[in-house]
Amino acid sequence: QVQLVESGGGLVQAGGSLRLSCSASGRTFSSYAMGWFRQAPGEEREFVASISSSGRSTYYADTVKGRFTISGDNAKNTVYLQMNSLKPEDTAVYHCAARPTPYSNTYYQGGNQYHYWGQGTQVTVSS
């Protein structure tokens, strides 16, 4: 079992930055691919970014490419999402997700590909 706890959300003005953190416990973090998803009120959950267990492969949704960066620190069992140039449409609850994988350079884009989820952290971007 893996427990995920997100932090770092908050209220920020458009154009600002936030860094989200997702701390994992319970298993060997280095063998897990990680992802970030978000869900705005009344909307379906949306893929944001993913990173392979090795950290060498990343993938981003077109809506955040060039503005967001996903990274991981296996020593701290933590994955980060650096969000720059934030827009009001980035407002959502952000969730991190994890799945075990034997493929160290594979990332996953589908929500149904992940086994474990955090409770989420609210990000609100004002115009």
C-alpha atoms as a PDB file:
ATOM      1  CA  GLN A   1       0.000   0.000   0.000  1.00  0.00           C
ATOM      2  CA  VAL A   2       1.173   3.521  -0.795  1.00  0.00           C
ATOM      3  CA  GLN A   3      -0.049   6.649   0.923  1.00  0.00           C
ATOM      4  CA  LEU A   4       0.191   9.947  -0.957  1.00  0.00           C
ATOM      5  CA  VAL A   5      -0.133  13.387   0.602  1.00  0.00           C
ATOM      6  CA  GLU A   6      -0.172  16.545  -1.497  1.00  0.00           C
ATOM      7  CA  SER A   7       0.765  20.013  -0.290  1.00  0.00           C
ATOM      8  CA  GLY A   8       1.657  23.420  -1.658  1.00  0.00           C
ATOM      9  CA  GLY A   9      -1.656  24.544  -3.064  1.00  0.00           C
ATOM     10  CA  GLY A  10      -3.109  27.966  -2.435  1.00  0.00           C
ATOM     11  CA  LEU A  11      -4.373  31.212  -3.910  1.00  0.00           C
ATOM     12  CA  VAL A  12      -2.189  32.997  -6.443  1.00  0.00           C
ATOM     13  CA  GLN A  13      -2.667  35.762  -8.990  1.00  0.00           C
ATOM     14  CA  ALA A  14      -2.555  35.061 -12.683  1.00  0.00           C
ATOM     15  CA  GLY A  15       1.032  34.940 -13.875  1.00  0.00           C
ATOM     16  CA  GLY A  16       2.274  33.688 -10.523  1.00  0.00           C
ATOM     17  CA  SER A  17       3.863  30.398  -9.506  1.00  0.00           C
ATOM     18  CA  LEU A  18       3.276  27.561  -7.090  1.00  0.00           C
ATOM     19  CA  ARG A  19       5.117  24.345  -6.356  1.00  0.00           C
ATOM     20  CA  LEU A  20       3.088  21.338  -5.370  1.00  0.00           C
ATOM     21  CA  SER A  21       4.622  18.451  -3.465  1.00  0.00           C
ATOM     22  CA  CYS A  22       3.454  14.872  -3.161  1.00  0.00           C
ATOM     23  CA  SER A  23       5.004  12.810  -0.394  1.00  0.00           C
ATOM     24  CA  ALA A  24       4.759   9.050  -0.643  1.00  0.00           C
ATOM     25  CA  SER A  25       5.108   6.422   2.042  1.00  0.00           C
ATOM     26  CA  GLY A  26       4.619   2.722   2.364  1.00  0.00           C
ATOM     27  CA  ARG A  27       6.654   1.201  -0.439  1.00  0.00           C
ATOM     28  CA  THR A  28       9.803   1.669  -2.473  1.00  0.00           C
ATOM     29  CA  PHE A  29       9.117   4.965  -4.156  1.00  0.00           C
ATOM     30  CA  SER A  30      11.789   4.493  -6.787  1.00  0.00           C
ATOM     31  CA  SER A  31       9.803   1.698  -8.491  1.00  0.00           C
ATOM     32  CA  TYR A  32       6.693   3.830  -8.963  1.00  0.00           C
ATOM     33  CA  ALA A  33       5.686   5.995 -11.898  1.00  0.00           C
ATOM     34  CA  MET A  34       3.956   9.156 -10.731  1.00  0.00           C
ATOM     35  CA  GLY A  35       1.412  11.510 -12.186  1.00  0.00           C
ATOM     36  CA  TRP A  36      -0.456  14.706 -11.480  1.00  0.00           C
ATOM     37  CA  PHE A  37      -4.104  15.167 -12.358  1.00  0.00           C
ATOM     38  CA  ARG A  38      -6.549  17.968 -11.693  1.00  0.00           C
ATOM     39  CA  GLN A  39     -10.279  18.381 -11.410  1.00  0.00           C
ATOM     40  CA  ALA A  40     -12.154  21.649 -11.603  1.00  0.00           C
ATOM     41  CA  PRO A  41     -15.711  21.989 -10.248  1.00  0.00           C
ATOM     42  CA  GLY A  42     -18.196  20.407 -12.616  1.00  0.00           C
ATOM     43  CA  GLU A  43     -15.428  19.056 -14.819  1.00  0.00           C
ATOM     44  CA  GLU A  44     -13.950  15.633 -15.368  1.00  0.00           C
ATOM     45  CA  ARG A  45     -10.547  14.748 -13.991  1.00  0.00           C
ATOM     46  CA  GLU A  46      -7.799  15.890 -16.356  1.00  0.00           C
ATOM     47  CA  PHE A  47      -4.268  14.592 -16.858  1.00  0.00           C
ATOM     48  CA  VAL A  48      -1.581  17.192 -16.144  1.00  0.00           C
ATOM     49  CA  ALA A  49       1.853  15.555 -16.102  1.00  0.00           C
ATOM     50  CA  SER A  50       3.624  12.259 -15.475  1.00  0.00           C
ATOM     51  CA  ILE A  51       7.114  11.034 -14.730  1.00  0.00           C
ATOM     52  CA  SER A  52       8.696   7.618 -15.028  1.00  0.00           C
ATOM     53  CA  SER A  53      10.156   5.854 -11.996  1.00  0.00           C
ATOM     54  CA  SER A  54      13.675   6.639 -13.227  1.00  0.00           C
ATOM     55  CA  GLY A  55      12.802  10.306 -13.604  1.00  0.00           C
ATOM     56  CA  ARG A  56      14.244  10.309 -17.099  1.00  0.00           C
ATOM     57  CA  SER A  57      10.920  10.415 -18.947  1.00  0.00           C
ATOM     58  CA  THR A  58       8.215  13.019 -18.517  1.00  0.00           C
ATOM     59  CA  TYR A  59       5.042  13.884 -20.357  1.00  0.00           C
ATOM     60  CA  TYR A  60       2.724  16.876 -20.180  1.00  0.00           C
ATOM     61  CA  ALA A  61      -0.746  17.824 -21.244  1.00  0.00           C
ATOM     62  CA  ASP A  62      -0.709  20.396 -24.032  1.00  0.00           C
ATOM     63  CA  THR A  63      -2.499  22.858 -21.765  1.00  0.00           C
ATOM     64  CA  VAL A  64       0.448  23.015 -19.345  1.00  0.00           C
ATOM     65  CA  LYS A  65       3.425  22.244 -21.566  1.00  0.00           C
ATOM     66  CA  GLY A  66       6.107  24.885 -21.218  1.00  0.00           C
ATOM     67  CA  ARG A  67       4.608  26.221 -17.967  1.00  0.00           C
ATOM     68  CA  PHE A  68       4.636  23.225 -15.608  1.00  0.00           C
ATOM     69  CA  THR A  69       7.527  20.948 -14.699  1.00  0.00           C
ATOM     70  CA  ILE A  70       7.264  17.581 -12.955  1.00  0.00           C
ATOM     71  CA  SER A  71      10.242  16.219 -11.054  1.00  0.00           C
ATOM     72  CA  GLY A  72      10.985  13.642  -8.409  1.00  0.00           C
ATOM     73  CA  ASP A  73      13.350  13.104  -5.507  1.00  0.00           C
ATOM     74  CA  ASN A  74      13.577   9.413  -4.685  1.00  0.00           C
ATOM     75  CA  ALA A  75      15.663  10.094  -1.582  1.00  0.00           C
ATOM     76  CA  LYS A  76      12.773  12.122  -0.168  1.00  0.00           C
ATOM     77  CA  ASN A  77      10.002   9.944  -1.642  1.00  0.00           C
ATOM     78  CA  THR A  78       8.539  13.109  -3.107  1.00  0.00           C
ATOM     79  CA  VAL A  79       7.365  14.257  -6.515  1.00  0.00           C
ATOM     80  CA  TYR A  80       6.928  17.921  -7.363  1.00  0.00           C
ATOM     81  CA  LEU A  81       4.919  19.965  -9.809  1.00  0.00           C
ATOM     82  CA  GLN A  82       6.387  23.397 -10.446  1.00  0.00           C
ATOM     83  CA  MET A  83       3.682  25.591 -11.938  1.00  0.00           C
ATOM     84  CA  ASN A  84       4.656  28.882 -13.560  1.00  0.00           C
ATOM     85  CA  SER A  85       2.698  31.479 -15.530  1.00  0.00           C
ATOM     86  CA  LEU A  86      -0.487  30.307 -13.886  1.00  0.00           C
ATOM     87  CA  LYS A  87      -3.818  31.106 -15.498  1.00  0.00           C
ATOM     88  CA  PRO A  88      -7.331  31.233 -14.026  1.00  0.00           C
ATOM     89  CA  GLU A  89      -8.171  28.097 -15.996  1.00  0.00           C
ATOM     90  CA  ASP A  90      -5.544  26.222 -13.961  1.00  0.00           C
ATOM     91  CA  THR A  91      -7.842  26.516 -10.949  1.00  0.00           C
ATOM     92  CA  ALA A  92      -8.644  23.000  -9.719  1.00  0.00           C
ATOM     93  CA  VAL A  93      -7.960  20.413  -7.064  1.00  0.00           C
ATOM     94  CA  TYR A  94      -4.654  18.785  -7.942  1.00  0.00           C
ATOM     95  CA  HIS A  95      -4.113  15.115  -7.152  1.00  0.00           C
ATOM     96  CA  CYS A  96      -0.987  13.043  -7.374  1.00  0.00           C
ATOM     97  CA  ALA A  97      -1.123   9.386  -8.313  1.00  0.00           C
ATOM     98  CA  ALA A  98       1.255   6.435  -8.267  1.00  0.00           C
ATOM     99  CA  ARG A  99       1.554   3.046  -9.840  1.00  0.00           C
ATOM    100  CA  PRO A 100       4.192   0.342  -9.490  1.00  0.00           C
ATOM    101  CA  THR A 101       5.998  -0.487 -12.697  1.00  0.00           C
ATOM    102  CA  PRO A 102       8.911  -2.689 -13.778  1.00  0.00           C
ATOM    103  CA  TYR A 103       9.577  -0.283 -16.666  1.00  0.00           C
ATOM    104  CA  SER A 104      11.794   2.469 -15.330  1.00  0.00           C
ATOM    105  CA  ASN A 105      11.413   4.803 -18.316  1.00  0.00           C
ATOM    106  CA  THR A 106       7.675   4.457 -18.904  1.00  0.00           C
ATOM    107  CA  TYR A 107       5.205   7.174 -17.954  1.00  0.00           C
ATOM    108  CA  TYR A 108       1.439   6.796 -17.794  1.00  0.00           C
ATOM    109  CA  GLN A 109      -1.208   9.221 -18.958  1.00  0.00           C
ATOM    110  CA  GLY A 110      -4.510   7.549 -18.101  1.00  0.00           C
ATOM    111  CA  GLY A 111      -6.081   7.940 -14.716  1.00  0.00           C
ATOM    112  CA  ASN A 112      -7.157   4.304 -14.757  1.00  0.00           C
ATOM    113  CA  GLN A 113      -3.513   3.292 -15.049  1.00  0.00           C
ATOM    114  CA  TYR A 114      -2.746   4.511 -11.555  1.00  0.00           C
ATOM    115  CA  HIS A 115      -3.295   2.474  -8.413  1.00  0.00           C
ATOM    116  CA  TYR A 116      -2.934   5.011  -5.628  1.00  0.00           C
ATOM    117  CA  TRP A 117      -4.253   8.551  -5.223  1.00  0.00           C
ATOM    118  CA  GLY A 118      -3.807  11.407  -2.814  1.00  0.00           C
ATOM    119  CA  GLN A 119      -6.619  13.508  -1.396  1.00  0.00           C
ATOM    120  CA  GLY A 120      -5.647  16.567  -3.404  1.00  0.00           C
ATOM    121  CA  THR A 121      -4.638  20.167  -2.834  1.00  0.00           C
ATOM    122  CA  GLN A 122      -6.616  23.188  -3.997  1.00  0.00           C
ATOM    123  CA  VAL A 123      -5.046  25.613  -6.447  1.00  0.00           C
ATOM    124  CA  THR A 124      -6.917  28.840  -7.125  1.00  0.00           C
ATOM    125  CA  VAL A 125      -5.673  31.373  -9.663  1.00  0.00           C
ATOM    126  CA  SER A 126      -7.298  34.785  -9.595  1.00  0.00           C
ATOM    127  CA  SER A 127      -7.497  37.044 -12.640  1.00  0.00           C
END
